[in-house]
């Protein structure tokens, strides 16, 4: 029996407008022949906002994202429209047998974050693999070693839905931190990005 091909992603976040970094990540995505690029927030910033997405789209990479606390609603809408990429904040996408759903987690009302994630999860729950993407980290994870509390709504969603993977960021000092919550692999992917197979 032929083994199913793994779904390969490049996940990164906290670029903060660094176009040179975006170019490096796009080259990595192309070289590694990923199926999807996931950007988990704080894409733009005070350094630069141009040439952050175009390095990926000119290489014909598929890109989805959630905005971070540096990315305004208007900026997120602009990035979606200008580059034809999907904002999955309070939404979901399906690629083959993989469902990807997300929330920035930057809302004050953490119960609303949970409700938003649940609504999207319900649309993809029957798919073989599930990936949850947030900007803010879940409560009770290693990223809290920074002194910043995680989002209780995100933690509740992980506990209840047990996606295969949770990709988060926001806490630069804990880039690369990885752990398990039940069967969910939790990774703070950070600026350097991670190639992940699922």
N, C-alpha and C. Protein backbone atom coordinates (compact mmCIF):
# COMPACT_ATOMS: atom_id res chain seq x y z
N UNK A 1 0.85 -1.19 0.00
CA UNK A 1 0.00 0.00 0.00
C UNK A 1 0.89 1.25 0.00
N UNK A 2 0.55 2.18 -0.89
CA UNK A 2 1.34 3.40 -1.02
C UNK A 2 1.09 4.32 0.17
N UNK A 3 2.18 4.81 0.76
CA UNK A 3 2.07 5.72 1.90
C UNK A 3 1.66 7.11 1.43
N UNK A 4 0.73 7.72 2.16
CA UNK A 4 0.26 9.07 1.80
C UNK A 4 1.40 10.07 1.92
N UNK A 5 1.46 10.98 0.95
CA UNK A 5 2.50 12.00 0.95
C UNK A 5 2.25 12.99 2.09
N UNK A 6 3.31 13.33 2.79
CA UNK A 6 3.20 14.30 3.89
C UNK A 6 2.92 15.70 3.32
N UNK A 7 2.18 16.48 4.08
CA UNK A 7 1.88 17.87 3.74
C UNK A 7 2.98 18.71 4.36
N UNK A 8 3.71 19.45 3.53
CA UNK A 8 4.87 20.23 3.99
C UNK A 8 4.52 21.72 4.03
N UNK A 9 4.81 22.32 5.18
CA UNK A 9 4.56 23.76 5.29
C UNK A 9 5.84 24.47 5.75
N UNK A 10 5.92 25.74 5.36
CA UNK A 10 6.88 26.65 5.98
C UNK A 10 6.05 27.59 6.83
N UNK A 11 6.28 27.57 8.13
CA UNK A 11 5.55 28.44 9.05
C UNK A 11 6.52 29.45 9.66
N UNK A 12 6.11 30.71 9.67
CA UNK A 12 6.95 31.77 10.23
C UNK A 12 6.05 32.91 10.69
N UNK A 13 6.61 33.75 11.54
CA UNK A 13 5.85 34.91 12.00
C UNK A 13 6.79 35.98 12.53
N UNK A 14 6.21 37.07 12.95
CA UNK A 14 6.97 38.16 13.56
C UNK A 14 8.04 38.72 12.63
N UNK A 15 7.69 38.86 11.35
CA UNK A 15 8.63 39.44 10.38
C UNK A 15 8.80 40.94 10.62
N UNK A 16 7.77 41.59 11.12
CA UNK A 16 7.80 43.02 11.44
C UNK A 16 8.35 43.86 10.29
N UNK A 17 7.87 43.56 9.09
CA UNK A 17 8.22 44.40 7.94
C UNK A 17 9.60 44.18 7.38
N UNK A 18 10.29 43.12 7.75
CA UNK A 18 11.66 42.86 7.31
C UNK A 18 11.63 42.17 5.93
N UNK A 19 11.77 42.97 4.87
CA UNK A 19 11.66 42.43 3.51
C UNK A 19 12.82 41.49 3.16
N UNK A 20 13.99 41.73 3.74
CA UNK A 20 15.12 40.83 3.50
C UNK A 20 14.83 39.44 4.06
N UNK A 21 14.26 39.41 5.25
CA UNK A 21 13.87 38.15 5.87
C UNK A 21 12.79 37.45 5.05
N UNK A 22 11.82 38.22 4.56
CA UNK A 22 10.75 37.65 3.73
C UNK A 22 11.34 36.98 2.49
N UNK A 23 12.32 37.62 1.89
CA UNK A 23 12.98 37.05 0.70
C UNK A 23 13.68 35.74 1.05
N UNK A 24 14.38 35.72 2.18
CA UNK A 24 15.07 34.49 2.61
C UNK A 24 14.08 33.36 2.87
N UNK A 25 12.97 33.68 3.52
CA UNK A 25 11.96 32.66 3.81
C UNK A 25 11.31 32.14 2.52
N UNK A 26 11.06 33.05 1.58
CA UNK A 26 10.47 32.64 0.31
C UNK A 26 11.40 31.71 -0.47
N UNK A 27 12.69 32.01 -0.44
CA UNK A 27 13.67 31.13 -1.09
C UNK A 27 13.67 29.75 -0.44
N UNK A 28 13.57 29.74 0.88
CA UNK A 28 13.54 28.49 1.62
C UNK A 28 12.29 27.67 1.26
N UNK A 29 11.15 28.35 1.17
CA UNK A 29 9.90 27.68 0.79
C UNK A 29 10.02 27.04 -0.57
N UNK A 30 10.62 27.78 -1.51
CA UNK A 30 10.80 27.26 -2.88
C UNK A 30 11.75 26.07 -2.90
N UNK A 31 12.88 26.22 -2.22
CA UNK A 31 13.89 25.16 -2.19
C UNK A 31 13.34 23.87 -1.55
N UNK A 32 12.56 24.03 -0.49
CA UNK A 32 12.03 22.88 0.24
C UNK A 32 10.74 22.32 -0.38
N UNK A 33 10.27 22.97 -1.46
CA UNK A 33 9.07 22.52 -2.18
C UNK A 33 7.87 22.31 -1.23
N UNK A 34 7.58 23.36 -0.47
CA UNK A 34 6.47 23.26 0.49
C UNK A 34 5.13 23.35 -0.23
N UNK A 35 4.13 22.77 0.40
CA UNK A 35 2.77 22.84 -0.13
C UNK A 35 2.09 24.15 0.24
N UNK A 36 2.53 24.76 1.35
CA UNK A 36 1.86 25.96 1.84
C UNK A 36 2.80 26.75 2.74
N UNK A 37 2.68 28.08 2.67
CA UNK A 37 3.38 28.98 3.59
C UNK A 37 2.33 29.53 4.55
N UNK A 38 2.62 29.43 5.85
CA UNK A 38 1.73 29.98 6.88
C UNK A 38 2.48 31.07 7.63
N UNK A 39 1.92 32.28 7.61
CA UNK A 39 2.49 33.41 8.35
C UNK A 39 1.56 33.71 9.52
N UNK A 40 2.11 33.65 10.73
CA UNK A 40 1.23 33.75 11.90
C UNK A 40 1.33 35.10 12.62
N UNK A 41 1.30 36.16 11.86
CA UNK A 41 1.11 37.47 12.46
C UNK A 41 2.35 38.32 12.67
N UNK A 42 2.08 39.60 12.94
CA UNK A 42 3.12 40.63 13.00
C UNK A 42 3.97 40.60 11.73
N UNK A 43 3.26 40.60 10.63
CA UNK A 43 3.89 40.55 9.30
C UNK A 43 4.48 41.91 8.97
N UNK A 44 3.71 42.95 9.25
CA UNK A 44 4.15 44.31 8.95
C UNK A 44 4.75 44.93 10.21
N UNK A 45 5.28 46.13 10.04
CA UNK A 45 5.88 46.79 11.20
C UNK A 45 6.38 48.16 10.83
N UNK A 46 7.19 48.73 11.71
CA UNK A 46 7.66 50.09 11.48
C UNK A 46 8.89 50.13 10.57
N UNK A 47 9.51 48.97 10.33
CA UNK A 47 10.71 48.97 9.47
C UNK A 47 10.30 49.19 8.02
N UNK A 48 9.45 48.31 7.52
CA UNK A 48 9.06 48.35 6.11
C UNK A 48 7.80 47.53 5.96
N UNK A 49 6.92 47.91 5.05
CA UNK A 49 5.72 47.11 4.83
C UNK A 49 5.62 46.62 3.40
N UNK A 50 6.46 47.12 2.52
CA UNK A 50 6.45 46.65 1.13
C UNK A 50 7.35 45.43 1.01
N UNK A 51 7.09 44.66 -0.03
CA UNK A 51 7.92 43.48 -0.35
C UNK A 51 7.97 42.45 0.77
N UNK A 52 6.88 42.31 1.49
CA UNK A 52 6.80 41.30 2.54
C UNK A 52 6.12 40.04 2.01
N UNK A 53 5.10 40.21 1.19
CA UNK A 53 4.37 39.07 0.64
C UNK A 53 4.83 38.73 -0.78
N UNK A 54 5.22 39.75 -1.53
CA UNK A 54 5.59 39.51 -2.94
C UNK A 54 6.71 38.49 -3.14
N UNK A 55 7.70 38.36 -2.25
CA UNK A 55 8.70 37.32 -2.46
C UNK A 55 8.10 35.91 -2.53
N UNK A 56 7.00 35.70 -1.80
CA UNK A 56 6.32 34.40 -1.83
C UNK A 56 5.47 34.25 -3.09
N UNK A 57 4.67 35.28 -3.38
CA UNK A 57 3.73 35.16 -4.50
C UNK A 57 4.44 35.14 -5.85
N UNK A 58 5.58 35.82 -5.97
CA UNK A 58 6.29 35.77 -7.26
C UNK A 58 6.89 34.38 -7.51
N UNK A 59 7.02 33.60 -6.44
CA UNK A 59 7.48 32.21 -6.58
C UNK A 59 6.29 31.24 -6.62
N UNK A 60 5.10 31.79 -6.71
CA UNK A 60 3.85 31.02 -6.81
C UNK A 60 3.60 30.13 -5.59
N UNK A 61 4.06 30.61 -4.42
CA UNK A 61 3.78 29.89 -3.18
C UNK A 61 2.36 30.23 -2.72
N UNK A 62 1.64 29.22 -2.23
CA UNK A 62 0.35 29.46 -1.60
C UNK A 62 0.61 29.98 -0.20
N UNK A 63 -0.10 31.05 0.19
CA UNK A 63 0.14 31.68 1.49
C UNK A 63 -1.19 31.89 2.21
N UNK A 64 -1.22 31.51 3.51
CA UNK A 64 -2.33 31.89 4.39
C UNK A 64 -1.71 32.59 5.60
N UNK A 65 -2.52 33.40 6.28
CA UNK A 65 -1.97 34.13 7.43
C UNK A 65 -3.05 34.48 8.44
N UNK A 66 -2.60 34.76 9.65
CA UNK A 66 -3.43 35.45 10.64
C UNK A 66 -2.69 36.74 10.97
N UNK A 67 -3.42 37.83 11.20
CA UNK A 67 -2.74 39.07 11.60
C UNK A 67 -2.28 38.99 13.05
N UNK A 68 -1.26 39.77 13.37
CA UNK A 68 -0.79 39.88 14.75
C UNK A 68 -1.17 41.23 15.32
N UNK A 69 -0.66 41.54 16.48
CA UNK A 69 -1.01 42.81 17.12
C UNK A 69 -0.42 44.02 16.39
N UNK A 70 0.57 43.82 15.53
CA UNK A 70 1.12 44.92 14.72
C UNK A 70 0.35 45.10 13.41
N UNK A 71 -0.50 44.15 13.06
CA UNK A 71 -1.20 44.19 11.77
C UNK A 71 -2.64 44.65 11.99
N UNK A 72 -2.96 45.83 11.48
CA UNK A 72 -4.33 46.35 11.64
C UNK A 72 -5.29 45.56 10.74
N UNK A 73 -6.58 45.74 11.02
CA UNK A 73 -7.62 45.11 10.19
C UNK A 73 -7.50 45.57 8.75
N UNK A 74 -7.23 46.87 8.56
CA UNK A 74 -7.07 47.42 7.21
C UNK A 74 -5.85 46.82 6.51
N UNK A 75 -4.76 46.66 7.24
CA UNK A 75 -3.55 46.07 6.65
C UNK A 75 -3.81 44.64 6.23
N UNK A 76 -4.47 43.88 7.09
CA UNK A 76 -4.79 42.48 6.76
C UNK A 76 -5.66 42.39 5.52
N UNK A 77 -6.66 43.27 5.42
CA UNK A 77 -7.54 43.29 4.25
C UNK A 77 -6.75 43.66 3.00
N UNK A 78 -5.84 44.63 3.12
CA UNK A 78 -5.00 45.04 1.99
C UNK A 78 -4.12 43.88 1.51
N UNK A 79 -3.46 43.20 2.45
CA UNK A 79 -2.58 42.09 2.07
C UNK A 79 -3.36 41.00 1.33
N UNK A 80 -4.54 40.70 1.83
CA UNK A 80 -5.39 39.69 1.19
C UNK A 80 -5.75 40.07 -0.24
N UNK A 81 -6.21 41.30 -0.38
CA UNK A 81 -6.68 41.76 -1.69
C UNK A 81 -5.52 41.96 -2.67
N UNK A 82 -4.47 42.60 -2.21
CA UNK A 82 -3.34 42.94 -3.08
C UNK A 82 -2.62 41.70 -3.61
N UNK A 83 -2.46 40.70 -2.73
CA UNK A 83 -1.63 39.55 -3.10
C UNK A 83 -2.41 38.25 -3.29
N UNK A 84 -3.72 38.30 -3.07
CA UNK A 84 -4.53 37.10 -3.28
C UNK A 84 -4.22 36.00 -2.28
N UNK A 85 -3.89 36.39 -1.05
CA UNK A 85 -3.61 35.41 -0.01
C UNK A 85 -4.77 35.38 0.97
N UNK A 86 -4.94 34.28 1.68
CA UNK A 86 -6.11 34.10 2.53
C UNK A 86 -5.82 34.43 3.99
N UNK A 87 -6.61 35.34 4.53
CA UNK A 87 -6.57 35.65 5.96
C UNK A 87 -7.47 34.63 6.66
N UNK A 88 -6.90 33.79 7.52
CA UNK A 88 -7.69 32.77 8.19
C UNK A 88 -8.01 33.14 9.64
N UNK A 89 -7.94 34.43 9.97
CA UNK A 89 -8.39 34.89 11.28
C UNK A 89 -9.91 34.70 11.32
N UNK A 90 -10.40 33.84 12.19
CA UNK A 90 -11.83 33.49 12.28
C UNK A 90 -12.32 32.81 11.01
N UNK A 91 -11.42 32.07 10.36
CA UNK A 91 -11.79 31.38 9.12
C UNK A 91 -10.97 30.10 8.99
N UNK A 92 -11.14 29.43 7.88
CA UNK A 92 -10.46 28.16 7.65
C UNK A 92 -10.20 27.97 6.15
N UNK A 93 -9.28 27.06 5.84
CA UNK A 93 -9.04 26.63 4.46
C UNK A 93 -8.83 25.13 4.49
N UNK A 94 -9.04 24.50 3.32
CA UNK A 94 -8.80 23.07 3.17
C UNK A 94 -7.83 22.86 2.02
N UNK A 95 -6.83 22.03 2.25
CA UNK A 95 -5.91 21.61 1.20
C UNK A 95 -5.83 20.10 1.27
N UNK A 96 -6.39 19.44 0.26
CA UNK A 96 -6.42 17.98 0.23
C UNK A 96 -7.07 17.47 1.51
N UNK A 97 -6.34 16.70 2.32
CA UNK A 97 -6.92 16.13 3.54
C UNK A 97 -6.54 16.92 4.79
N UNK A 98 -6.07 18.17 4.60
CA UNK A 98 -5.61 19.00 5.72
C UNK A 98 -6.52 20.23 5.87
N UNK A 99 -6.99 20.44 7.08
CA UNK A 99 -7.78 21.63 7.39
C UNK A 99 -6.96 22.59 8.24
N UNK A 100 -6.97 23.86 7.89
CA UNK A 100 -6.19 24.86 8.61
C UNK A 100 -7.16 25.95 9.06
N UNK A 101 -7.17 26.23 10.36
CA UNK A 101 -8.08 27.24 10.88
C UNK A 101 -7.33 28.13 11.85
N UNK A 102 -7.82 29.36 12.04
CA UNK A 102 -7.01 30.27 12.84
C UNK A 102 -7.76 31.40 13.51
N UNK A 103 -7.00 32.07 14.35
CA UNK A 103 -7.44 33.30 15.03
C UNK A 103 -6.19 34.01 15.50
N UNK A 104 -6.21 35.32 15.42
CA UNK A 104 -5.03 36.05 15.86
C UNK A 104 -4.83 35.88 17.36
N UNK A 105 -5.94 35.82 18.10
CA UNK A 105 -5.85 35.70 19.55
C UNK A 105 -5.57 37.02 20.24
N UNK A 106 -5.56 38.12 19.48
CA UNK A 106 -5.23 39.40 20.09
C UNK A 106 -6.45 40.10 20.67
N UNK A 107 -7.63 39.50 20.50
CA UNK A 107 -8.85 40.09 21.05
C UNK A 107 -8.81 40.07 22.57
N UNK A 108 -9.46 41.05 23.16
CA UNK A 108 -9.53 41.11 24.62
C UNK A 108 -10.40 39.99 25.16
N UNK A 109 -11.51 39.70 24.46
CA UNK A 109 -12.46 38.69 24.91
C UNK A 109 -11.98 37.30 24.49
N UNK A 110 -11.39 36.57 25.43
CA UNK A 110 -10.82 35.27 25.10
C UNK A 110 -11.89 34.23 24.79
N UNK A 111 -13.09 34.40 25.34
CA UNK A 111 -14.18 33.46 25.02
C UNK A 111 -14.59 33.63 23.56
N UNK A 112 -14.53 34.87 23.06
CA UNK A 112 -14.82 35.10 21.63
C UNK A 112 -13.78 34.42 20.75
N UNK A 113 -12.53 34.42 21.19
CA UNK A 113 -11.48 33.72 20.45
C UNK A 113 -11.83 32.24 20.35
N UNK A 114 -12.23 31.64 21.48
CA UNK A 114 -12.61 30.24 21.47
C UNK A 114 -13.79 29.98 20.53
N UNK A 115 -14.83 30.80 20.62
CA UNK A 115 -16.02 30.61 19.78
C UNK A 115 -15.66 30.70 18.30
N UNK A 116 -14.79 31.64 17.97
CA UNK A 116 -14.35 31.81 16.58
C UNK A 116 -13.60 30.56 16.10
N UNK A 117 -12.69 30.06 16.94
CA UNK A 117 -11.94 28.85 16.58
C UNK A 117 -12.87 27.65 16.45
N UNK A 118 -13.84 27.54 17.34
CA UNK A 118 -14.78 26.41 17.28
C UNK A 118 -15.60 26.43 15.99
N UNK A 119 -16.07 27.60 15.62
CA UNK A 119 -16.87 27.74 14.40
C UNK A 119 -16.08 27.27 13.18
N UNK A 120 -14.81 27.65 13.11
CA UNK A 120 -13.97 27.23 11.98
C UNK A 120 -13.60 25.76 12.07
N UNK A 121 -13.28 25.29 13.28
CA UNK A 121 -12.92 23.88 13.46
C UNK A 121 -14.06 22.97 13.02
N UNK A 122 -15.29 23.36 13.33
CA UNK A 122 -16.45 22.54 12.95
C UNK A 122 -16.53 22.31 11.45
N UNK A 123 -15.96 23.21 10.65
CA UNK A 123 -15.98 23.07 9.19
C UNK A 123 -14.92 22.10 8.66
N UNK A 124 -13.90 21.84 9.47
CA UNK A 124 -12.79 21.01 8.98
C UNK A 124 -12.55 19.77 9.85
N UNK A 125 -13.39 19.56 10.85
CA UNK A 125 -13.12 18.51 11.84
C UNK A 125 -13.08 17.10 11.27
N UNK A 126 -13.71 16.88 10.12
CA UNK A 126 -13.72 15.53 9.54
C UNK A 126 -12.52 15.26 8.63
N UNK A 127 -11.66 16.25 8.44
CA UNK A 127 -10.47 16.03 7.62
C UNK A 127 -9.42 15.25 8.42
N UNK A 128 -8.53 14.60 7.70
CA UNK A 128 -7.54 13.72 8.35
C UNK A 128 -6.60 14.47 9.28
N UNK A 129 -6.13 15.66 8.86
CA UNK A 129 -5.18 16.43 9.65
C UNK A 129 -5.73 17.84 9.89
N UNK A 130 -5.43 18.37 11.09
CA UNK A 130 -5.91 19.70 11.43
C UNK A 130 -4.77 20.54 12.00
N UNK A 131 -4.67 21.78 11.48
CA UNK A 131 -3.65 22.73 11.94
C UNK A 131 -4.34 23.98 12.43
N UNK A 132 -4.02 24.39 13.65
CA UNK A 132 -4.54 25.64 14.20
C UNK A 132 -3.41 26.67 14.18
N UNK A 133 -3.75 27.87 13.71
CA UNK A 133 -2.76 28.94 13.57
C UNK A 133 -3.23 30.14 14.38
N UNK A 134 -2.37 30.61 15.30
CA UNK A 134 -2.68 31.80 16.08
C UNK A 134 -1.43 32.69 16.15
N UNK A 135 -1.65 33.94 16.47
CA UNK A 135 -0.49 34.79 16.72
C UNK A 135 -0.10 34.70 18.20
N UNK A 136 -1.04 34.97 19.06
CA UNK A 136 -0.80 34.89 20.51
C UNK A 136 -0.70 33.42 20.91
N UNK A 137 0.11 33.15 21.90
CA UNK A 137 0.30 31.78 22.39
C UNK A 137 -0.85 31.35 23.29
N UNK A 138 -0.99 30.05 23.45
CA UNK A 138 -2.00 29.50 24.35
C UNK A 138 -1.56 29.63 25.80
N UNK A 139 -2.52 29.80 26.68
CA UNK A 139 -2.23 29.84 28.11
C UNK A 139 -1.61 28.52 28.55
N UNK A 140 -0.69 28.62 29.50
CA UNK A 140 -0.09 27.42 30.06
C UNK A 140 0.96 26.76 29.20
N UNK A 141 1.50 27.47 28.22
CA UNK A 141 2.55 26.91 27.36
C UNK A 141 3.90 27.54 27.71
N UNK A 142 4.95 26.98 27.14
CA UNK A 142 6.32 27.45 27.43
C UNK A 142 6.51 28.93 27.14
N UNK A 143 5.75 29.46 26.18
CA UNK A 143 5.90 30.88 25.83
C UNK A 143 5.58 31.79 27.01
N UNK A 144 4.85 31.29 28.01
CA UNK A 144 4.56 32.10 29.19
C UNK A 144 5.79 32.32 30.06
N UNK A 145 6.88 31.60 29.79
CA UNK A 145 8.13 31.84 30.51
C UNK A 145 8.62 33.27 30.28
N UNK A 146 8.10 33.91 29.24
CA UNK A 146 8.45 35.30 28.94
C UNK A 146 7.85 36.26 29.96
N UNK A 147 6.88 35.78 30.72
CA UNK A 147 6.16 36.66 31.65
C UNK A 147 4.84 37.16 31.09
N UNK A 148 4.57 36.87 29.82
CA UNK A 148 3.32 37.28 29.19
C UNK A 148 2.34 36.11 29.20
N UNK A 149 1.16 36.35 29.78
CA UNK A 149 0.14 35.31 29.84
C UNK A 149 -0.34 34.96 28.45
N UNK A 150 -0.65 33.68 28.26
CA UNK A 150 -1.22 33.22 27.00
C UNK A 150 -2.72 33.42 26.98
N UNK A 151 -3.32 33.09 25.86
CA UNK A 151 -4.76 33.27 25.64
C UNK A 151 -5.50 32.02 26.11
N UNK A 152 -6.43 32.21 27.05
CA UNK A 152 -7.21 31.09 27.60
C UNK A 152 -8.15 30.48 26.55
N UNK A 153 -8.66 31.32 25.65
CA UNK A 153 -9.55 30.81 24.59
C UNK A 153 -8.82 29.87 23.65
N UNK A 154 -7.57 30.21 23.33
CA UNK A 154 -6.75 29.34 22.47
C UNK A 154 -6.46 28.03 23.20
N UNK A 155 -6.12 28.12 24.49
CA UNK A 155 -5.84 26.90 25.26
C UNK A 155 -7.07 26.00 25.32
N UNK A 156 -8.23 26.60 25.53
CA UNK A 156 -9.47 25.82 25.60
C UNK A 156 -9.71 25.10 24.26
N UNK A 157 -9.44 25.79 23.16
CA UNK A 157 -9.61 25.19 21.83
C UNK A 157 -8.66 24.01 21.63
N UNK A 158 -7.41 24.16 22.06
CA UNK A 158 -6.45 23.06 21.94
C UNK A 158 -6.91 21.87 22.77
N UNK A 159 -7.29 22.13 24.01
CA UNK A 159 -7.73 21.05 24.90
C UNK A 159 -8.93 20.30 24.33
N UNK A 160 -9.90 21.04 23.79
CA UNK A 160 -11.13 20.42 23.31
C UNK A 160 -11.00 19.78 21.93
N UNK A 161 -10.28 20.43 21.01
CA UNK A 161 -10.25 19.96 19.63
C UNK A 161 -9.04 19.08 19.31
N UNK A 162 -7.98 19.21 20.09
CA UNK A 162 -6.76 18.44 19.89
C UNK A 162 -6.32 18.41 18.41
N UNK A 163 -6.09 19.59 17.81
CA UNK A 163 -5.57 19.59 16.44
C UNK A 163 -4.19 18.92 16.43
N UNK A 164 -3.76 18.48 15.28
CA UNK A 164 -2.45 17.84 15.18
C UNK A 164 -1.33 18.82 15.49
N UNK A 165 -1.57 20.10 15.17
CA UNK A 165 -0.52 21.10 15.27
C UNK A 165 -1.11 22.44 15.65
N UNK A 166 -0.45 23.15 16.56
CA UNK A 166 -0.74 24.57 16.85
C UNK A 166 0.52 25.36 16.56
N UNK A 167 0.39 26.30 15.62
CA UNK A 167 1.50 27.19 15.27
C UNK A 167 1.18 28.55 15.90
N UNK A 168 2.10 29.06 16.72
CA UNK A 168 1.91 30.39 17.30
C UNK A 168 3.23 31.15 17.26
N UNK A 169 3.22 32.36 17.79
CA UNK A 169 4.42 33.20 17.77
C UNK A 169 4.35 34.23 18.87
N UNK A 170 4.56 35.49 18.51
CA UNK A 170 4.40 36.65 19.39
C UNK A 170 5.55 36.82 20.38
N UNK A 171 6.00 35.75 21.01
CA UNK A 171 7.04 35.85 22.03
C UNK A 171 8.38 35.51 21.37
N UNK A 172 9.10 36.55 20.97
CA UNK A 172 10.33 36.37 20.20
C UNK A 172 11.39 35.58 20.96
N UNK A 173 11.45 35.82 22.28
CA UNK A 173 12.51 35.18 23.08
C UNK A 173 12.36 33.67 23.13
N UNK A 174 11.16 33.17 22.85
CA UNK A 174 10.94 31.72 22.93
C UNK A 174 10.73 31.10 21.55
N UNK A 175 11.30 31.75 20.54
CA UNK A 175 11.25 31.19 19.18
C UNK A 175 11.84 29.79 19.20
N UNK A 176 11.11 28.86 18.58
CA UNK A 176 11.58 27.49 18.51
C UNK A 176 11.08 26.61 19.64
N UNK A 177 10.46 27.21 20.68
CA UNK A 177 9.94 26.41 21.79
C UNK A 177 8.89 25.44 21.25
N UNK A 178 8.99 24.20 21.69
CA UNK A 178 8.08 23.16 21.20
C UNK A 178 7.66 22.29 22.37
N UNK A 179 6.42 21.86 22.35
CA UNK A 179 5.88 21.02 23.41
C UNK A 179 4.65 20.29 22.90
N UNK A 180 4.08 19.44 23.76
CA UNK A 180 2.85 18.72 23.41
C UNK A 180 1.78 19.06 24.43
N UNK A 181 0.57 19.26 23.94
CA UNK A 181 -0.61 19.35 24.80
C UNK A 181 -1.51 18.22 24.33
N UNK A 182 -1.57 17.16 25.08
CA UNK A 182 -2.29 15.97 24.61
C UNK A 182 -1.62 15.47 23.35
N UNK A 183 -2.37 15.34 22.26
CA UNK A 183 -1.77 14.90 21.00
C UNK A 183 -1.34 16.08 20.11
N UNK A 184 -1.56 17.30 20.59
CA UNK A 184 -1.26 18.49 19.78
C UNK A 184 0.21 18.91 19.93
N UNK A 185 0.88 19.00 18.82
CA UNK A 185 2.26 19.52 18.79
C UNK A 185 2.15 21.05 18.73
N UNK A 186 2.78 21.73 19.69
CA UNK A 186 2.69 23.18 19.81
C UNK A 186 4.07 23.77 19.51
N UNK A 187 4.13 24.68 18.52
CA UNK A 187 5.42 25.25 18.13
C UNK A 187 5.32 26.77 18.02
N UNK A 188 6.24 27.47 18.71
CA UNK A 188 6.42 28.91 18.51
C UNK A 188 7.42 29.02 17.35
N UNK A 189 6.91 29.29 16.15
CA UNK A 189 7.77 29.17 14.96
C UNK A 189 8.75 30.33 14.79
N UNK A 190 8.36 31.53 15.19
CA UNK A 190 9.29 32.65 15.15
C UNK A 190 9.69 33.12 13.77
N UNK A 191 10.64 34.05 13.76
CA UNK A 191 11.08 34.74 12.54
C UNK A 191 11.86 33.85 11.57
N UNK A 192 12.64 32.94 12.09
CA UNK A 192 13.47 32.10 11.21
C UNK A 192 12.64 31.12 10.42
N UNK A 193 11.45 30.80 10.94
CA UNK A 193 10.57 29.88 10.25
C UNK A 193 10.93 28.42 10.47
N UNK A 194 9.97 27.58 10.26
CA UNK A 194 10.16 26.14 10.44
C UNK A 194 9.52 25.41 9.27
N UNK A 195 10.21 24.40 8.77
CA UNK A 195 9.61 23.48 7.83
C UNK A 195 8.97 22.38 8.69
N UNK A 196 7.70 22.15 8.50
CA UNK A 196 6.98 21.16 9.29
C UNK A 196 6.24 20.23 8.35
N UNK A 197 6.34 18.95 8.60
CA UNK A 197 5.58 17.95 7.84
C UNK A 197 4.47 17.41 8.71
N UNK A 198 3.32 17.21 8.10
CA UNK A 198 2.19 16.69 8.86
C UNK A 198 1.49 15.61 8.04
